[in-house]
């Protein structure tokens, strides 16, 4: 009997009675996969968009459903079904197994403290190759789990089926773009998914850097009728960053979370667990003391952190206590958008002149350096200014190691394959999105004045 999941984006997702989908349904019942119910797809975004509480599990099942639709494109191109198709569908389902609590914010903690099991790609690889998930996958044949892990990791032989898992039009992106838009309730970033799928084709593209071709690979390209849909696709993804993923309140919460977790790990490592408000048996403390134990890492999820906040609110360590209360009660630091203020000074009409842009970059870098120096000297164990800097490129133009396969390729009416940027002025004129913000305690008037004075001083110095 087929198993079914009701999904807000895809409606009814069915797992049929075939050998592959019976196996994949059993994968969804494993502990590592069920853990994804307790890891939200968008971390702290529901502090801004209350509806954005959807889980990594829902997204993963949605990616699997989308991958099946993309596989129809592959079949229509005359590419026969083989084991690579099964591997790709399995990879689509399990690609996110390794995400920790609050996803990318947890990875930031890992980078600060060199915690290997905070890297979701590394943990996903371990979970797919070994343990309960691997045992189920290997019912498809010995070595099937390794093949799935290799595809997720972009290793091993490369076929068109890899494009289903990782490409400009992969199942992951096509699900999360639409799912995140739906669940946040934002009314922009819509894409014409049906028309895009209907106009996807398969083509062989050269791989390599610059003029040196190292091989070729089959991947998805779009027909000429879908150029405007592809434009909307690029713009839609780009718009999600400033409005959802990089929202100032979301990023502010991530900054508090990062400092909180770093502090707890450091205290636990120093034998000062009692200062955290948590017991020695709490999953966060156990992970802090044994960060290379995969089974302990699997005990961590969003609910573990949320449940710990009220305990940590009673911590004797000031940072742990105050930041726990702030996250629990949504009492975030005040945000100052430095880049916006500097940009207004040098490019008030947003003309994007290259000289103005260079001056803005120079001024922002100087402000960042000054504030970093000040907060390092003044903060001690309690950071008084939290600095947030990020960059997002709207479009990959094929300049990376994978060459033309990194860009969106359009098949012209004459049968030639060209970069979307050559056919779309909209895409060609998109500039990188950059942010530089700082956060501080609202009552910290010294820090507030320092930030304001530093911006004014560096603006004057850069004129």
Foldseek 3Di string as FASTA:
>chain_A
DWDWDAAPPPGIDIQDPDPLSVLLVVLCVDLLNVLQQQAFPQQQLCVPQVLRRGTPNSLLSQLLVLLVLLVVQVVVQVDDDDVLSSLLSSLSNQLQSQAFASRVLLVVLCVVVVQQSNPRLSLSLVVLCDDDNVVSQCVVDPCSSVSSNCLSVVHDDAAQSSQCCDFPDHSSLVRVLVVSCVRSVPPALDAPVVVFSVFKHKDKDFFFADPDTPGIYIYIAGEPVCLVRVLSNLVSVVVCVPPGNPDPLSVQLSLLVSLLLNVCLVCLCVVNNQQQLDDCPQLSSVCSNVSPDSVSSSVGYNVSLLVCLVSRCPGNPVSSNVSSCCNNVVVTFDKDWLLVVLCCLQPVPPPPPPVSVVLSVVLLVQLVVVLVVVQVVPPVSHGFKGKDKDKDDSFDPQNDRGRNRHAHWYQYPVRDTDGSLVVDVSNVPDDMDITIMMGGHPPPVVSVVSSVVSSVVSSVVSD
